[in-house]
Amino acid sequence: MTMGCSQKTSWESYEEAANVKSFPVPEEANRMDRATTNPEMDYIQYSLPGVSKNDQLPDKYINEIIEWGWTEDVASEQSNTSEPAPRIFVKDTTRVHLSLHNGYLTVLVPTQDASLIKPKIVDTNN
């Protein structure tokens, strides 16, 4: 039996993100690309079946991130647009901006002062 568009992410097992080894990403996520020309950020997109930019990250994934030693920076998660704001997690001196899009997940790590960087959201599925 072939799985099609109805396939969903299980959020059950995790592996290290390619750009932040101590940050979990769903094991079923497939790495799409990595920004190498922007010195302000290091980000990787992972294709993830069944997710939408309007979805919330599941509690079981948030709990897994916390179990890996990360703390959510709720104060920084403000958005002046109708688009969902990225969730921000901090561990030691590293900040990770995590966001869902239509069919993929982005793990973004600012390489400069995080307060100066707003992640660029590109939706390739419209």
N, C-alpha and C. Protein backbone atom coordinates (compact mmCIF):
# COMPACT_ATOMS: atom_id res chain seq x y z
N MET A 1 0.84 -1.18 0.00
CA MET A 1 0.00 0.00 0.00
C MET A 1 0.88 1.24 0.00
N THR A 2 0.58 2.17 -0.84
CA THR A 2 1.36 3.39 -0.96
C THR A 2 0.71 4.51 -0.16
N MET A 3 1.53 5.24 0.58
CA MET A 3 1.02 6.38 1.34
C MET A 3 1.09 7.62 0.45
N GLY A 4 0.01 8.37 0.41
CA GLY A 4 -0.02 9.57 -0.41
C GLY A 4 -0.06 10.81 0.44
N CYS A 5 -0.81 11.79 -0.01
CA CYS A 5 -0.90 13.07 0.67
C CYS A 5 -1.54 12.97 2.05
N SER A 6 -2.22 11.87 2.32
CA SER A 6 -2.88 11.75 3.61
C SER A 6 -1.92 11.36 4.73
N GLN A 7 -0.68 11.10 4.39
CA GLN A 7 0.31 10.72 5.40
C GLN A 7 0.52 11.86 6.39
N LYS A 8 0.59 11.52 7.67
CA LYS A 8 0.78 12.52 8.71
C LYS A 8 2.06 12.20 9.49
N THR A 9 2.61 13.21 10.12
CA THR A 9 3.77 13.03 10.97
C THR A 9 3.31 12.44 12.30
N SER A 10 4.05 11.46 12.80
CA SER A 10 3.64 10.80 14.05
C SER A 10 4.14 11.53 15.29
N TRP A 11 5.24 12.31 15.16
CA TRP A 11 5.82 13.03 16.30
C TRP A 11 6.22 12.05 17.42
N GLU A 12 6.67 10.85 17.05
CA GLU A 12 7.00 9.84 18.05
C GLU A 12 8.49 9.66 18.29
N SER A 13 9.32 9.76 17.26
CA SER A 13 10.75 9.55 17.43
C SER A 13 11.52 10.70 16.78
N TYR A 14 12.71 10.96 17.34
CA TYR A 14 13.46 12.16 16.96
C TYR A 14 14.93 11.85 16.73
N GLU A 15 15.57 12.74 15.97
CA GLU A 15 17.02 12.68 15.76
C GLU A 15 17.57 14.10 15.83
N GLU A 16 18.89 14.23 15.82
CA GLU A 16 19.52 15.54 15.92
C GLU A 16 19.32 16.34 14.64
N ALA A 17 19.07 17.63 14.78
CA ALA A 17 19.00 18.51 13.62
C ALA A 17 20.40 18.62 13.00
N ALA A 18 20.46 18.79 11.70
CA ALA A 18 21.75 18.86 11.02
C ALA A 18 22.54 20.11 11.40
N ASN A 19 21.85 21.21 11.70
CA ASN A 19 22.56 22.45 12.02
C ASN A 19 22.72 22.69 13.52
N VAL A 20 21.98 21.96 14.36
CA VAL A 20 22.11 22.07 15.82
C VAL A 20 22.00 20.65 16.37
N LYS A 21 23.13 20.04 16.64
CA LYS A 21 23.15 18.63 17.02
C LYS A 21 22.35 18.32 18.28
N SER A 22 22.18 19.28 19.16
CA SER A 22 21.46 19.03 20.41
C SER A 22 19.98 19.36 20.32
N PHE A 23 19.48 19.64 19.10
CA PHE A 23 18.08 19.99 18.92
C PHE A 23 17.35 18.88 18.16
N PRO A 24 16.22 18.41 18.71
CA PRO A 24 15.52 17.30 18.05
C PRO A 24 14.64 17.73 16.88
N VAL A 25 14.63 16.90 15.85
CA VAL A 25 13.66 17.03 14.75
C VAL A 25 13.02 15.66 14.57
N PRO A 26 11.79 15.61 14.11
CA PRO A 26 11.14 14.31 13.91
C PRO A 26 11.98 13.42 12.98
N GLU A 27 12.13 12.17 13.36
CA GLU A 27 12.93 11.23 12.59
C GLU A 27 12.42 11.08 11.16
N GLU A 28 11.11 11.23 10.97
CA GLU A 28 10.54 11.06 9.63
C GLU A 28 10.68 12.31 8.76
N ALA A 29 11.24 13.39 9.30
CA ALA A 29 11.47 14.60 8.52
C ALA A 29 12.67 14.38 7.61
N ASN A 30 12.57 14.87 6.38
CA ASN A 30 13.66 14.74 5.41
C ASN A 30 14.24 16.12 5.10
N ARG A 31 15.55 16.24 5.26
CA ARG A 31 16.24 17.50 5.01
C ARG A 31 16.06 17.93 3.56
N MET A 32 15.64 19.19 3.39
CA MET A 32 15.42 19.73 2.04
C MET A 32 16.59 20.60 1.59
N ASP A 33 16.90 21.63 2.34
CA ASP A 33 17.99 22.51 1.94
C ASP A 33 18.57 23.23 3.16
N ARG A 34 19.68 23.89 2.93
CA ARG A 34 20.36 24.63 3.99
C ARG A 34 20.86 25.94 3.41
N ALA A 35 20.59 27.04 4.11
CA ALA A 35 21.06 28.35 3.64
C ALA A 35 22.56 28.46 3.88
N THR A 36 23.30 28.73 2.84
CA THR A 36 24.74 28.86 2.99
C THR A 36 25.23 30.24 2.58
N THR A 37 24.37 31.04 1.96
CA THR A 37 24.80 32.34 1.48
C THR A 37 24.41 33.48 2.40
N ASN A 38 23.63 33.22 3.44
CA ASN A 38 23.21 34.27 4.34
C ASN A 38 24.02 34.18 5.63
N PRO A 39 24.93 35.14 5.86
CA PRO A 39 25.78 35.08 7.06
C PRO A 39 25.02 35.38 8.36
N GLU A 40 23.77 35.85 8.27
CA GLU A 40 23.00 36.21 9.46
C GLU A 40 22.28 35.02 10.07
N MET A 41 22.14 33.93 9.31
CA MET A 41 21.39 32.79 9.85
C MET A 41 21.83 31.48 9.20
N ASP A 42 21.63 30.43 9.95
CA ASP A 42 21.86 29.08 9.47
C ASP A 42 20.53 28.36 9.62
N TYR A 43 19.91 27.99 8.50
CA TYR A 43 18.63 27.31 8.64
C TYR A 43 18.57 26.09 7.73
N ILE A 44 17.75 25.15 8.17
CA ILE A 44 17.50 23.94 7.39
C ILE A 44 16.00 23.72 7.34
N GLN A 45 15.53 23.36 6.17
CA GLN A 45 14.13 23.01 6.01
C GLN A 45 14.04 21.49 5.91
N TYR A 46 13.04 20.95 6.58
CA TYR A 46 12.78 19.51 6.56
C TYR A 46 11.38 19.28 6.02
N SER A 47 11.25 18.45 4.98
CA SER A 47 9.90 18.10 4.53
C SER A 47 9.25 17.25 5.62
N LEU A 48 8.00 17.52 5.85
CA LEU A 48 7.29 16.87 6.95
C LEU A 48 5.84 16.64 6.51
N PRO A 49 5.46 15.39 6.35
CA PRO A 49 4.13 15.10 5.81
C PRO A 49 3.00 15.59 6.70
N GLY A 50 2.02 16.20 6.08
CA GLY A 50 0.78 16.55 6.76
C GLY A 50 0.81 17.80 7.62
N VAL A 51 1.88 18.60 7.59
CA VAL A 51 1.89 19.82 8.40
C VAL A 51 1.49 21.03 7.56
N SER A 52 0.96 22.04 8.24
CA SER A 52 0.52 23.26 7.61
C SER A 52 1.05 24.45 8.39
N LYS A 53 1.22 25.58 7.72
CA LYS A 53 1.72 26.78 8.39
C LYS A 53 0.77 27.26 9.48
N ASN A 54 -0.49 26.85 9.42
CA ASN A 54 -1.45 27.25 10.43
C ASN A 54 -1.54 26.28 11.61
N ASP A 55 -0.81 25.18 11.53
CA ASP A 55 -0.81 24.20 12.62
C ASP A 55 0.00 24.72 13.81
N GLN A 56 -0.32 24.20 14.96
CA GLN A 56 0.49 24.41 16.16
C GLN A 56 1.45 23.24 16.29
N LEU A 57 2.64 23.50 16.83
CA LEU A 57 3.55 22.38 17.10
C LEU A 57 2.91 21.52 18.19
N PRO A 58 2.90 20.21 18.01
CA PRO A 58 2.27 19.33 19.01
C PRO A 58 2.97 19.41 20.37
N ASP A 59 2.19 19.28 21.43
CA ASP A 59 2.75 19.30 22.79
C ASP A 59 3.81 18.23 22.97
N LYS A 60 3.62 17.05 22.36
CA LYS A 60 4.61 15.98 22.54
C LYS A 60 5.95 16.38 21.93
N TYR A 61 5.95 17.18 20.86
CA TYR A 61 7.21 17.67 20.28
C TYR A 61 7.83 18.74 21.18
N ILE A 62 7.02 19.66 21.67
CA ILE A 62 7.52 20.69 22.59
C ILE A 62 8.13 20.03 23.82
N ASN A 63 7.45 19.02 24.36
CA ASN A 63 7.97 18.30 25.54
C ASN A 63 9.28 17.60 25.24
N GLU A 64 9.41 17.05 24.04
CA GLU A 64 10.66 16.39 23.64
C GLU A 64 11.80 17.41 23.58
N ILE A 65 11.53 18.58 23.01
CA ILE A 65 12.54 19.64 22.93
C ILE A 65 13.00 20.02 24.34
N ILE A 66 12.07 20.15 25.26
CA ILE A 66 12.41 20.49 26.66
C ILE A 66 13.21 19.37 27.30
N GLU A 67 12.84 18.12 27.01
CA GLU A 67 13.60 16.99 27.54
C GLU A 67 15.04 16.97 27.03
N TRP A 68 15.27 17.51 25.85
CA TRP A 68 16.62 17.59 25.29
C TRP A 68 17.40 18.77 25.89
N GLY A 69 16.80 19.48 26.85
CA GLY A 69 17.52 20.54 27.57
C GLY A 69 17.25 21.95 27.08
N TRP A 70 16.28 22.14 26.22
CA TRP A 70 15.97 23.47 25.69
C TRP A 70 14.86 24.12 26.51
N THR A 71 14.88 25.45 26.54
CA THR A 71 13.86 26.24 27.23
C THR A 71 13.19 27.13 26.20
N GLU A 72 11.86 27.21 26.26
CA GLU A 72 11.16 28.07 25.32
C GLU A 72 11.25 29.53 25.77
N ASP A 73 11.58 30.42 24.83
CA ASP A 73 11.66 31.86 25.09
C ASP A 73 10.34 32.49 24.66
N VAL A 74 9.35 32.36 25.52
CA VAL A 74 8.00 32.83 25.20
C VAL A 74 7.95 34.34 25.00
N ALA A 75 8.76 35.08 25.73
CA ALA A 75 8.75 36.55 25.64
C ALA A 75 9.15 37.04 24.25
N SER A 76 9.98 36.28 23.53
CA SER A 76 10.44 36.69 22.20
C SER A 76 9.48 36.30 21.10
N GLU A 77 8.47 35.52 21.40
CA GLU A 77 7.57 34.99 20.39
C GLU A 77 6.41 35.94 20.13
N GLN A 78 6.72 37.08 19.55
CA GLN A 78 5.69 38.06 19.25
C GLN A 78 5.67 38.29 17.75
N SER A 79 4.48 38.42 17.22
CA SER A 79 4.34 38.65 15.78
C SER A 79 3.30 39.75 15.56
N ASN A 80 3.61 40.67 14.68
CA ASN A 80 2.68 41.74 14.35
C ASN A 80 1.89 41.43 13.08
N THR A 81 2.00 40.20 12.60
CA THR A 81 1.30 39.81 11.39
C THR A 81 0.29 38.72 11.71
N SER A 82 -0.48 38.36 10.72
CA SER A 82 -1.44 37.28 10.92
C SER A 82 -0.77 35.91 10.79
N GLU A 83 0.46 35.89 10.34
CA GLU A 83 1.20 34.64 10.22
C GLU A 83 1.59 34.15 11.61
N PRO A 84 1.56 32.83 11.83
CA PRO A 84 2.02 32.31 13.12
C PRO A 84 3.50 32.64 13.34
N ALA A 85 3.83 33.08 14.53
CA ALA A 85 5.23 33.41 14.85
C ALA A 85 6.01 32.14 15.09
N PRO A 86 7.32 32.15 14.79
CA PRO A 86 8.14 30.98 15.10
C PRO A 86 8.20 30.77 16.61
N ARG A 87 8.34 29.54 17.03
CA ARG A 87 8.59 29.24 18.44
C ARG A 87 10.10 29.34 18.62
N ILE A 88 10.53 29.94 19.72
CA ILE A 88 11.95 30.16 19.96
C ILE A 88 12.38 29.38 21.19
N PHE A 89 13.48 28.65 21.02
CA PHE A 89 14.03 27.83 22.11
C PHE A 89 15.48 28.23 22.33
N VAL A 90 15.90 28.17 23.61
CA VAL A 90 17.24 28.60 23.99
C VAL A 90 17.91 27.50 24.81
N LYS A 91 19.20 27.30 24.52
CA LYS A 91 20.02 26.38 25.30
C LYS A 91 21.43 26.95 25.30
N ASP A 92 21.94 27.24 26.49
CA ASP A 92 23.24 27.91 26.64
C ASP A 92 23.19 29.23 25.85
N THR A 93 24.04 29.39 24.85
CA THR A 93 24.05 30.64 24.07
C THR A 93 23.40 30.46 22.69
N THR A 94 22.77 29.33 22.45
CA THR A 94 22.18 29.05 21.15
C THR A 94 20.68 29.29 21.18
N ARG A 95 20.19 29.97 20.15
CA ARG A 95 18.75 30.21 19.98
C ARG A 95 18.31 29.50 18.71
N VAL A 96 17.18 28.82 18.79
CA VAL A 96 16.61 28.14 17.63
C VAL A 96 15.20 28.68 17.39
N HIS A 97 14.95 29.11 16.17
CA HIS A 97 13.62 29.54 15.75
C HIS A 97 13.01 28.37 14.99
N LEU A 98 11.88 27.89 15.47
CA LEU A 98 11.25 26.71 14.90
C LEU A 98 9.89 27.11 14.34
N SER A 99 9.63 26.79 13.07
CA SER A 99 8.35 27.15 12.48
C SER A 99 7.86 26.08 11.52
N LEU A 100 6.54 25.95 11.47
CA LEU A 100 5.89 25.03 10.53
C LEU A 100 5.44 25.81 9.31
N HIS A 101 5.49 25.15 8.18
CA HIS A 101 5.03 25.71 6.91
C HIS A 101 4.19 24.64 6.23
N ASN A 102 3.70 24.91 5.05
CA ASN A 102 2.91 23.92 4.33
C ASN A 102 3.82 22.81 3.81
N GLY A 103 3.84 21.69 4.53
CA GLY A 103 4.63 20.54 4.11
C GLY A 103 6.06 20.50 4.61
N TYR A 104 6.46 21.47 5.42
CA TYR A 104 7.83 21.41 5.93
C TYR A 104 7.99 22.17 7.25
N LEU A 105 9.10 21.90 7.89
CA LEU A 105 9.50 22.48 9.18
C LEU A 105 10.81 23.21 8.95
N THR A 106 10.98 24.39 9.55
CA THR A 106 12.24 25.12 9.45
C THR A 106 12.89 25.22 10.82
N VAL A 107 14.19 24.89 10.88
CA VAL A 107 15.01 25.05 12.07
C VAL A 107 16.03 26.12 11.72
N LEU A 108 15.85 27.30 12.33
CA LEU A 108 16.69 28.46 12.00
C LEU A 108 17.50 28.86 13.23
N VAL A 109 18.81 29.09 13.02
CA VAL A 109 19.70 29.52 14.09
C VAL A 109 20.32 30.85 13.68
N PRO A 110 19.95 31.95 14.35
CA PRO A 110 20.60 33.24 14.05
C PRO A 110 22.08 33.17 14.40
N THR A 111 22.90 33.74 13.55
CA THR A 111 24.34 33.77 13.82
C THR A 111 24.80 35.14 14.28
N GLN A 112 23.86 36.11 14.27
CA GLN A 112 24.13 37.44 14.80
C GLN A 112 23.17 37.69 15.95
N ASP A 113 23.11 38.93 16.42
CA ASP A 113 22.18 39.29 17.49
C ASP A 113 20.77 38.89 17.10
N ALA A 114 20.19 37.98 17.85
CA ALA A 114 18.88 37.42 17.51
C ALA A 114 17.78 38.47 17.46
N SER A 115 17.93 39.57 18.20
CA SER A 115 16.88 40.58 18.21
C SER A 115 16.82 41.35 16.90
N LEU A 116 17.87 41.25 16.08
CA LEU A 116 17.92 41.97 14.82
C LEU A 116 17.38 41.16 13.65
N ILE A 117 17.17 39.87 13.87
CA ILE A 117 16.84 38.98 12.77
C ILE A 117 15.38 38.57 12.82
N LYS A 118 14.71 38.75 11.72
CA LYS A 118 13.35 38.25 11.54
C LYS A 118 13.44 37.18 10.45
N PRO A 119 13.02 35.96 10.75
CA PRO A 119 13.11 34.91 9.73
C PRO A 119 12.24 35.23 8.52
N LYS A 120 12.77 34.97 7.35
CA LYS A 120 12.02 35.17 6.12
C LYS A 120 11.21 33.90 5.88
N ILE A 121 9.91 34.07 5.74
CA ILE A 121 9.02 32.93 5.54
C ILE A 121 8.65 32.87 4.07
N VAL A 122 9.01 31.78 3.44
CA VAL A 122 8.69 31.56 2.04
C VAL A 122 7.80 30.35 1.96
N ASP A 123 6.61 30.54 1.45
CA ASP A 123 5.68 29.44 1.31
C ASP A 123 5.67 29.00 -0.15
N THR A 124 6.26 27.84 -0.41
CA THR A 124 6.38 27.36 -1.78
C THR A 124 5.16 26.56 -2.21
N ASN A 125 4.17 26.41 -1.34
CA ASN A 125 3.02 25.58 -1.68
C ASN A 125 1.77 26.38 -1.99
N ASN A 126 1.91 27.64 -2.31
CA ASN A 126 0.73 28.46 -2.68
C ASN A 126 0.73 28.72 -4.16
